Structure formats: C-alpha cells, structure tokens
Amino acid sequence: MSSQTPQLHQLSNVFEIIARYSILCTEDNYIQKQNIAQLSKYEKPRQKRSQSLLDQVLEKKSELLSNFQKRKSFMQKKRNII
C-alpha cells in the first residue's frame, strides 16, 4: 500500500497539471474571441476609410490622365500648326 502512495501522488500531480492546462486553454480561447470581436468592431470603419482613399486615388489618377491627354493633344496640334 505504501508503494502506491507515491504513484497516487504523482497521478494526482498529473491530473492537476492537466486541469491547469485546460483552464489556460479555455482562458486563451476566451481572450482570442474577445480580440476578434474587438477587431471586427474596428474593421468596417477601417474598410470604409480604405475604400474612400482608394476612390480618391483613382479619381486623381483619372484627372491626371485626362490632363496628360489634353496636353498631348495640344502639343500635337501645335506641331501641326508649325
């Protein structure tokens, strides 16, 4: 019986370690879910800002291309006149 006591004690320690690990995993999952929820709260406004910036860049690009085409056309007309 006395030889079983250290084994039972070791087994008890193993179960305690498993229980603590399980608690830590549960806490980790909870923290991850909170972080995901918090990030998703900020995701939509960030996407809107990104889309707005992209729209502004595309608008400016279109404006610059238009100006370039006008200059190119003007220079060709100027050459033809000379």
PDB file of N, CA and C in Angstrom:
ATOM      1  N   MET A   1       0.818  -1.180   0.000  1.00  0.00           N
ATOM      2  CA  MET A   1       0.000   0.000   0.000  1.00  0.00           C
ATOM      3  C   MET A   1       0.867   1.251   0.000  1.00  0.00           C
ATOM      4  N   SER A   2       1.978   1.188   0.742  1.00  0.00           N
ATOM      5  CA  SER A   2       2.841   2.358   0.830  1.00  0.00           C
ATOM      6  C   SER A   2       3.525   2.647  -0.510  1.00  0.00           C
ATOM      7  N   SER A   3       3.723   1.620  -1.350  1.00  0.00           N
ATOM      8  CA  SER A   3       4.340   1.836  -2.660  1.00  0.00           C
ATOM      9  C   SER A   3       3.354   2.520  -3.615  1.00  0.00           C
ATOM     10  N   GLN A   4       2.059   2.363  -3.337  1.00  0.00           N
ATOM     11  CA  GLN A   4       1.059   3.001  -4.193  1.00  0.00           C
ATOM     12  C   GLN A   4       0.897   4.493  -3.873  1.00  0.00           C
ATOM     13  N   THR A   5       1.227   4.893  -2.680  1.00  0.00           N
ATOM     14  CA  THR A   5       1.040   6.290  -2.278  1.00  0.00           C
ATOM     15  C   THR A   5       1.842   7.261  -3.156  1.00  0.00           C
ATOM     16  N   PRO A   6       3.141   7.018  -3.417  1.00  0.00           N
ATOM     17  CA  PRO A   6       3.867   7.938  -4.313  1.00  0.00           C
ATOM     18  C   PRO A   6       3.277   7.944  -5.729  1.00  0.00           C
ATOM     19  N   GLN A   7       2.837   6.764  -6.188  1.00  0.00           N
ATOM     20  CA  GLN A   7       2.242   6.697  -7.526  1.00  0.00           C
ATOM     21  C   GLN A   7       0.938   7.496  -7.578  1.00  0.00           C
ATOM     22  N   LEU A   8       0.134   7.369  -6.523  1.00  0.00           N
ATOM     23  CA  LEU A   8      -1.116   8.134  -6.463  1.00  0.00           C
ATOM     24  C   LEU A   8      -0.819   9.631  -6.404  1.00  0.00           C
ATOM     25  N   HIS A   9       0.214   9.978  -5.663  1.00  0.00           N
ATOM     26  CA  HIS A   9       0.600  11.382  -5.550  1.00  0.00           C
ATOM     27  C   HIS A   9       1.050  11.922  -6.918  1.00  0.00           C
ATOM     28  N   GLN A  10       1.845  11.130  -7.639  1.00  0.00           N
ATOM     29  CA  GLN A  10       2.295  11.533  -8.971  1.00  0.00           C
ATOM     30  C   GLN A  10       1.110  11.653  -9.927  1.00  0.00           C
ATOM     31  N   LEU A  11       0.192  10.696  -9.839  1.00  0.00           N
ATOM     32  CA  LEU A  11      -1.001  10.720 -10.683  1.00  0.00           C
ATOM     33  C   LEU A  11      -1.837  11.962 -10.377  1.00  0.00           C
ATOM     34  N   SER A  12      -1.943  12.279  -9.099  1.00  0.00           N
ATOM     35  CA  SER A  12      -2.668  13.475  -8.674  1.00  0.00           C
ATOM     36  C   SER A  12      -2.017  14.727  -9.265  1.00  0.00           C
ATOM     37  N   ASN A  13      -0.679  14.765  -9.252  1.00  0.00           N
ATOM     38  CA  ASN A  13       0.041  15.900  -9.845  1.00  0.00           C
ATOM     39  C   ASN A  13      -0.225  16.007 -11.347  1.00  0.00           C
ATOM     40  N   VAL A  14      -0.250  14.870 -12.019  1.00  0.00           N
ATOM     41  CA  VAL A  14      -0.525  14.860 -13.462  1.00  0.00           C
ATOM     42  C   VAL A  14      -1.918  15.418 -13.732  1.00  0.00           C
ATOM     43  N   PHE A  15      -2.910  14.977 -12.962  1.00  0.00           N
ATOM     44  CA  PHE A  15      -4.275  15.473 -13.153  1.00  0.00           C
ATOM     45  C   PHE A  15      -4.362  16.975 -12.868  1.00  0.00           C
ATOM     46  N   GLU A  16      -3.613  17.416 -11.875  1.00  0.00           N
ATOM     47  CA  GLU A  16      -3.606  18.849 -11.544  1.00  0.00           C
ATOM     48  C   GLU A  16      -3.003  19.656 -12.699  1.00  0.00           C
ATOM     49  N   ILE A  17      -1.927  19.146 -13.269  1.00  0.00           N
ATOM     50  CA  ILE A  17      -1.292  19.822 -14.408  1.00  0.00           C
ATOM     51  C   ILE A  17      -2.249  19.868 -15.599  1.00  0.00           C
ATOM     52  N   ILE A  18      -2.925  18.748 -15.869  1.00  0.00           N
ATOM     53  CA  ILE A  18      -3.890  18.693 -16.974  1.00  0.00           C
ATOM     54  C   ILE A  18      -5.021  19.693 -16.737  1.00  0.00           C
ATOM     55  N   ALA A  19      -5.515  19.758 -15.512  1.00  0.00           N
ATOM     56  CA  ALA A  19      -6.602  20.685 -15.178  1.00  0.00           C
ATOM     57  C   ALA A  19      -6.152  22.131 -15.375  1.00  0.00           C
ATOM     58  N   ARG A  20      -4.959  22.469 -14.919  1.00  0.00           N
ATOM     59  CA  ARG A  20      -4.448  23.837 -15.091  1.00  0.00           C
ATOM     60  C   ARG A  20      -4.273  24.172 -16.571  1.00  0.00           C
ATOM     61  N   TYR A  21      -3.751  23.216 -17.321  1.00  0.00           N
ATOM     62  CA  TYR A  21      -3.565  23.421 -18.761  1.00  0.00           C
ATOM     63  C   TYR A  21      -4.911  23.653 -19.442  1.00  0.00           C
ATOM     64  N   SER A  22      -5.893  22.869 -19.055  1.00  0.00           N
ATOM     65  CA  SER A  22      -7.233  23.011 -19.619  1.00  0.00           C
ATOM     66  C   SER A  22      -7.810  24.396 -19.324  1.00  0.00           C
ATOM     67  N   ILE A  23      -7.614  24.865 -18.092  1.00  0.00           N
ATOM     68  CA  ILE A  23      -8.096  26.201 -17.709  1.00  0.00           C
ATOM     69  C   ILE A  23      -7.388  27.269 -18.544  1.00  0.00           C
ATOM     70  N   LEU A  24      -6.082  27.127 -18.716  1.00  0.00           N
ATOM     71  CA  LEU A  24      -5.333  28.095 -19.521  1.00  0.00           C
ATOM     72  C   LEU A  24      -5.811  28.107 -20.970  1.00  0.00           C
ATOM     73  N   CYS A  25      -6.079  26.930 -21.528  1.00  0.00           N
ATOM     74  CA  CYS A  25      -6.585  26.848 -22.902  1.00  0.00           C
ATOM     75  C   CYS A  25      -7.938  27.542 -23.024  1.00  0.00           C
ATOM     76  N   THR A  26      -8.805  27.311 -22.040  1.00  0.00           N
ATOM     77  CA  THR A  26     -10.122  27.943 -22.039  1.00  0.00           C
ATOM     78  C   THR A  26      -9.976  29.459 -21.970  1.00  0.00           C
ATOM     79  N   GLU A  27      -9.095  29.939 -21.106  1.00  0.00           N
ATOM     80  CA  GLU A  27      -8.858  31.382 -20.993  1.00  0.00           C
ATOM     81  C   GLU A  27      -8.294  31.941 -22.296  1.00  0.00           C
ATOM     82  N   ASP A  28      -7.380  31.209 -22.919  1.00  0.00           N
ATOM     83  CA  ASP A  28      -6.811  31.640 -24.202  1.00  0.00           C
ATOM     84  C   ASP A  28      -7.896  31.781 -25.262  1.00  0.00           C
ATOM     85  N   ASN A  29      -8.764  30.774 -25.346  1.00  0.00           N
ATOM     86  CA  ASN A  29      -9.853  30.819 -26.328  1.00  0.00           C
ATOM     87  C   ASN A  29     -10.756  32.017 -26.079  1.00  0.00           C
ATOM     88  N   TYR A  30     -11.063  32.280 -24.811  1.00  0.00           N
ATOM     89  CA  TYR A  30     -11.920  33.412 -24.452  1.00  0.00           C
ATOM     90  C   TYR A  30     -11.262  34.730 -24.867  1.00  0.00           C
ATOM     91  N   ILE A  31      -9.970  34.861 -24.580  1.00  0.00           N
ATOM     92  CA  ILE A  31      -9.233  36.082 -24.932  1.00  0.00           C
ATOM     93  C   ILE A  31      -9.192  36.255 -26.450  1.00  0.00           C
ATOM     94  N   GLN A  32      -8.959  35.164 -27.175  1.00  0.00           N
ATOM     95  CA  GLN A  32      -8.926  35.244 -28.636  1.00  0.00           C
ATOM     96  C   GLN A  32     -10.276  35.683 -29.191  1.00  0.00           C
ATOM     97  N   LYS A  33     -11.363  35.143 -28.639  1.00  0.00           N
ATOM     98  CA  LYS A  33     -12.699  35.537 -29.102  1.00  0.00           C
ATOM     99  C   LYS A  33     -12.952  37.010 -28.820  1.00  0.00           C
ATOM    100  N   GLN A  34     -12.521  37.492 -27.655  1.00  0.00           N
ATOM    101  CA  GLN A  34     -12.678  38.913 -27.325  1.00  0.00           C
ATOM    102  C   GLN A  34     -11.889  39.779 -28.299  1.00  0.00           C
ATOM    103  N   ASN A  35     -10.662  39.370 -28.589  1.00  0.00           N
ATOM    104  CA  ASN A  35      -9.824  40.138 -29.510  1.00  0.00           C
ATOM    105  C   ASN A  35     -10.426  40.185 -30.904  1.00  0.00           C
ATOM    106  N   ILE A  36     -10.950  39.051 -31.366  1.00  0.00           N
ATOM    107  CA  ILE A  36     -11.580  39.003 -32.688  1.00  0.00           C
ATOM    108  C   ILE A  36     -12.799  39.915 -32.721  1.00  0.00           C
ATOM    109  N   ALA A  37     -13.611  39.870 -31.664  1.00  0.00           N
ATOM    110  CA  ALA A  37     -14.798  40.731 -31.600  1.00  0.00           C
ATOM    111  C   ALA A  37     -14.388  42.196 -31.593  1.00  0.00           C
ATOM    112  N   GLN A  38     -13.343  42.511 -30.858  1.00  0.00           N
ATOM    113  CA  GLN A  38     -12.876  43.895 -30.779  1.00  0.00           C
ATOM    114  C   GLN A  38     -12.329  44.356 -32.130  1.00  0.00           C
ATOM    115  N   LEU A  39     -11.593  43.487 -32.804  1.00  0.00           N
ATOM    116  CA  LEU A  39     -11.050  43.848 -34.109  1.00  0.00           C
ATOM    117  C   LEU A  39     -12.152  44.043 -35.139  1.00  0.00           C
ATOM    118  N   SER A  40     -13.163  43.181 -35.109  1.00  0.00           N
ATOM    119  CA  SER A  40     -14.235  43.296 -36.096  1.00  0.00           C
ATOM    120  C   SER A  40     -15.019  44.585 -35.903  1.00  0.00           C
ATOM    121  N   LYS A  41     -15.026  45.102 -34.670  1.00  0.00           N
ATOM    122  CA  LYS A  41     -15.712  46.363 -34.391  1.00  0.00           C
ATOM    123  C   LYS A  41     -15.029  47.508 -35.147  1.00  0.00           C
ATOM    124  N   TYR A  42     -13.719  47.430 -35.304  1.00  0.00           N
ATOM    125  CA  TYR A  42     -12.968  48.483 -35.984  1.00  0.00           C
ATOM    126  C   TYR A  42     -12.756  48.194 -37.470  1.00  0.00           C
ATOM    127  N   GLU A  43     -13.072  46.987 -37.897  1.00  0.00           N
ATOM    128  CA  GLU A  43     -12.777  46.588 -39.268  1.00  0.00           C
ATOM    129  C   GLU A  43     -13.607  47.370 -40.291  1.00  0.00           C
ATOM    130  N   LYS A  44     -14.912  47.514 -40.057  1.00  0.00           N
ATOM    131  CA  LYS A  44     -15.761  48.197 -41.035  1.00  0.00           C
ATOM    132  C   LYS A  44     -15.360  49.658 -41.238  1.00  0.00           C
ATOM    133  N   PRO A  45     -15.164  50.442 -40.159  1.00  0.00           N
ATOM    134  CA  PRO A  45     -14.705  51.823 -40.386  1.00  0.00           C
ATOM    135  C   PRO A  45     -13.365  51.884 -41.121  1.00  0.00           C
ATOM    136  N   ARG A  46     -12.480  50.951 -40.816  1.00  0.00           N
ATOM    137  CA  ARG A  46     -11.181  50.922 -41.492  1.00  0.00           C
ATOM    138  C   ARG A  46     -11.362  50.628 -42.972  1.00  0.00           C
ATOM    139  N   GLN A  47     -12.254  49.678 -43.288  1.00  0.00           N
ATOM    140  CA  GLN A  47     -12.525  49.352 -44.687  1.00  0.00           C
ATOM    141  C   GLN A  47     -13.119  50.553 -45.417  1.00  0.00           C
ATOM    142  N   LYS A  48     -14.011  51.284 -44.734  1.00  0.00           N
ATOM    143  CA  LYS A  48     -14.607  52.472 -45.358  1.00  0.00           C
ATOM    144  C   LYS A  48     -13.543  53.521 -45.648  1.00  0.00           C
ATOM    145  N   ARG A  49     -12.638  53.738 -44.691  1.00  0.00           N
ATOM    146  CA  ARG A  49     -11.561  54.707 -44.910  1.00  0.00           C
ATOM    147  C   ARG A  49     -10.659  54.262 -46.058  1.00  0.00           C
ATOM    148  N   SER A  50     -10.348  52.980 -46.094  1.00  0.00           N
ATOM    149  CA  SER A  50      -9.502  52.457 -47.166  1.00  0.00           C
ATOM    150  C   SER A  50     -10.182  52.637 -48.515  1.00  0.00           C
ATOM    151  N   GLN A  51     -11.474  52.334 -48.570  1.00  0.00           N
ATOM    152  CA  GLN A  51     -12.215  52.478 -49.825  1.00  0.00           C
ATOM    153  C   GLN A  51     -12.267  53.941 -50.245  1.00  0.00           C
ATOM    154  N   SER A  52     -12.474  54.822 -49.279  1.00  0.00           N
ATOM    155  CA  SER A  52     -12.519  56.255 -49.563  1.00  0.00           C
ATOM    156  C   SER A  52     -11.180  56.734 -50.129  1.00  0.00           C
ATOM    157  N   LEU A  53     -10.094  56.296 -49.517  1.00  0.00           N
ATOM    158  CA  LEU A  53      -8.766  56.674 -50.008  1.00  0.00           C
ATOM    159  C   LEU A  53      -8.518  56.117 -51.403  1.00  0.00           C
ATOM    160  N   LEU A  54      -8.929  54.889 -51.631  1.00  0.00           N
ATOM    161  CA  LEU A  54      -8.771  54.281 -52.949  1.00  0.00           C
ATOM    162  C   LEU A  54      -9.564  55.069 -53.993  1.00  0.00           C
ATOM    163  N   ASP A  55     -10.791  55.449 -53.654  1.00  0.00           N
ATOM    164  CA  ASP A  55     -11.615  56.244 -54.570  1.00  0.00           C
ATOM    165  C   ASP A  55     -10.935  57.569 -54.902  1.00  0.00           C
ATOM    166  N   GLN A  56     -10.357  58.207 -53.880  1.00  0.00           N
ATOM    167  CA  GLN A  56      -9.664  59.482 -54.102  1.00  0.00           C
ATOM    168  C   GLN A  56      -8.458  59.303 -55.023  1.00  0.00           C
ATOM    169  N   VAL A  57      -7.716  58.227 -54.809  1.00  0.00           N
ATOM    170  CA  VAL A  57      -6.543  57.961 -55.646  1.00  0.00           C
ATOM    171  C   VAL A  57      -6.971  57.709 -57.086  1.00  0.00           C
ATOM    172  N   LEU A  58      -8.015  56.911 -57.278  1.00  0.00           N
ATOM    173  CA  LEU A  58      -8.488  56.622 -58.632  1.00  0.00           C
ATOM    174  C   LEU A  58      -9.015  57.880 -59.319  1.00  0.00           C
ATOM    175  N   GLU A  59      -9.685  58.728 -58.562  1.00  0.00           N
ATOM    176  CA  GLU A  59     -10.189  59.988 -59.114  1.00  0.00           C
ATOM    177  C   GLU A  59      -9.026  60.882 -59.554  1.00  0.00           C
ATOM    178  N   LYS A  60      -8.009  60.970 -58.719  1.00  0.00           N
ATOM    179  CA  LYS A  60      -6.827  61.780 -59.051  1.00  0.00           C
ATOM    180  C   LYS A  60      -6.106  61.204 -60.262  1.00  0.00           C
ATOM    181  N   LYS A  61      -6.020  59.894 -60.334  1.00  0.00           N
ATOM    182  CA  LYS A  61      -5.371  59.241 -61.473  1.00  0.00           C
ATOM    183  C   LYS A  61      -6.118  59.581 -62.755  1.00  0.00           C
ATOM    184  N   SER A  62      -7.433  59.498 -62.700  1.00  0.00           N
ATOM    185  CA  SER A  62      -8.258  59.825 -63.859  1.00  0.00           C
ATOM    186  C   SER A  62      -8.047  61.280 -64.276  1.00  0.00           C
ATOM    187  N   GLU A  63      -7.998  62.167 -63.294  1.00  0.00           N
ATOM    188  CA  GLU A  63      -7.773  63.594 -63.570  1.00  0.00           C
ATOM    189  C   GLU A  63      -6.415  63.816 -64.228  1.00  0.00           C
ATOM    190  N   LEU A  64      -5.385  63.159 -63.707  1.00  0.00           N
ATOM    191  CA  LEU A  64      -4.041  63.304 -64.269  1.00  0.00           C
ATOM    192  C   LEU A  64      -3.957  62.738 -65.684  1.00  0.00           C
ATOM    193  N   LEU A  65      -4.603  61.609 -65.921  1.00  0.00           N
ATOM    194  CA  LEU A  65      -4.622  61.036 -67.269  1.00  0.00           C
ATOM    195  C   LEU A  65      -5.326  61.969 -68.245  1.00  0.00           C
ATOM    196  N   SER A  66      -6.415  62.548 -67.793  1.00  0.00           N
ATOM    197  CA  SER A  66      -7.158  63.489 -68.630  1.00  0.00           C
ATOM    198  C   SER A  66      -6.289  64.700 -68.973  1.00  0.00           C
ATOM    199  N   ASN A  67      -5.615  65.251 -67.967  1.00  0.00           N
ATOM    200  CA  ASN A  67      -4.715  66.384 -68.207  1.00  0.00           C
ATOM    201  C   ASN A  67      -3.591  66.005 -69.166  1.00  0.00           C
ATOM    202  N   PHE A  68      -3.056  64.817 -69.002  1.00  0.00           N
ATOM    203  CA  PHE A  68      -1.990  64.343 -69.877  1.00  0.00           C
ATOM    204  C   PHE A  68      -2.483  64.251 -71.320  1.00  0.00           C
ATOM    205  N   GLN A  69      -3.677  63.696 -71.502  1.00  0.00           N
ATOM    206  CA  GLN A  69      -4.243  63.571 -72.849  1.00  0.00           C
ATOM    207  C   GLN A  69      -4.472  64.953 -73.475  1.00  0.00           C
ATOM    208  N   LYS A  70      -4.950  65.885 -72.669  1.00  0.00           N
ATOM    209  CA  LYS A  70      -5.173  67.251 -73.176  1.00  0.00           C
ATOM    210  C   LYS A  70      -3.858  67.889 -73.607  1.00  0.00           C
ATOM    211  N   ARG A  71      -2.827  67.738 -72.799  1.00  0.00           N
ATOM    212  CA  ARG A  71      -1.518  68.300 -73.148  1.00  0.00           C
ATOM    213  C   ARG A  71      -0.955  67.652 -74.406  1.00  0.00           C
ATOM    214  N   LYS A  72      -1.098  66.350 -74.469  1.00  0.00           N
ATOM    215  CA  LYS A  72      -0.600  65.612 -75.626  1.00  0.00           C
ATOM    216  C   LYS A  72      -1.304  66.095 -76.894  1.00  0.00           C
ATOM    217  N   SER A  73      -2.611  66.229 -76.802  1.00  0.00           N
ATOM    218  CA  SER A  73      -3.400  66.707 -77.936  1.00  0.00           C
ATOM    219  C   SER A  73      -2.991  68.134 -78.312  1.00  0.00           C
ATOM    220  N   PHE A  74      -2.820  68.983 -77.318  1.00  0.00           N
ATOM    221  CA  PHE A  74      -2.408  70.367 -77.551  1.00  0.00           C
ATOM    222  C   PHE A  74      -1.054  70.417 -78.248  1.00  0.00           C
ATOM    223  N   MET A  75      -0.108  69.599 -77.789  1.00  0.00           N
ATOM    224  CA  MET A  75       1.229  69.589 -78.385  1.00  0.00           C
ATOM    225  C   MET A  75       1.181  69.092 -79.828  1.00  0.00           C
ATOM    226  N   GLN A  76       0.349  68.116 -80.115  1.00  0.00           N
ATOM    227  CA  GLN A  76       0.222  67.622 -81.488  1.00  0.00           C
ATOM    228  C   GLN A  76      -0.373  68.700 -82.392  1.00  0.00           C
ATOM    229  N   LYS A  77      -1.377  69.404 -81.896  1.00  0.00           N
ATOM    230  CA  LYS A  77      -1.979  70.489 -82.679  1.00  0.00           C
ATOM    231  C   LYS A  77      -0.959  71.595 -82.919  1.00  0.00           C
ATOM    232  N   LYS A  78      -0.175  71.895 -81.908  1.00  0.00           N
ATOM    233  CA  LYS A  78       0.843  72.936 -82.009  1.00  0.00           C
ATOM    234  C   LYS A  78       1.883  72.559 -83.060  1.00  0.00           C
ATOM    235  N   ARG A  79       2.287  71.304 -83.099  1.00  0.00           N
ATOM    236  CA  ARG A  79       3.255  70.821 -84.099  1.00  0.00           C
ATOM    237  C   ARG A  79       2.673  70.927 -85.499  1.00  0.00           C
ATOM    238  N   ASN A  80       1.398  70.583 -85.616  1.00  0.00           N
ATOM    239  CA  ASN A  80       0.752  70.619 -86.930  1.00  0.00           C
ATOM    240  C   ASN A  80       0.628  72.051 -87.446  1.00  0.00           C
ATOM    241  N   ILE A  81       0.461  72.987 -86.552  1.00  0.00           N
ATOM    242  CA  ILE A  81       0.340  74.390 -86.949  1.00  0.00           C
ATOM    243  C   ILE A  81       1.687  74.914 -87.434  1.00  0.00           C
ATOM    244  N   ILE A  82       2.757  74.513 -86.750  1.00  0.00           N
ATOM    245  CA  ILE A  82       4.108  74.972 -87.121  1.00  0.00           C
ATOM    246  C   ILE A  82       4.525  74.215 -88.328  1.00  0.00           C
TER     247      ILE A  82
END
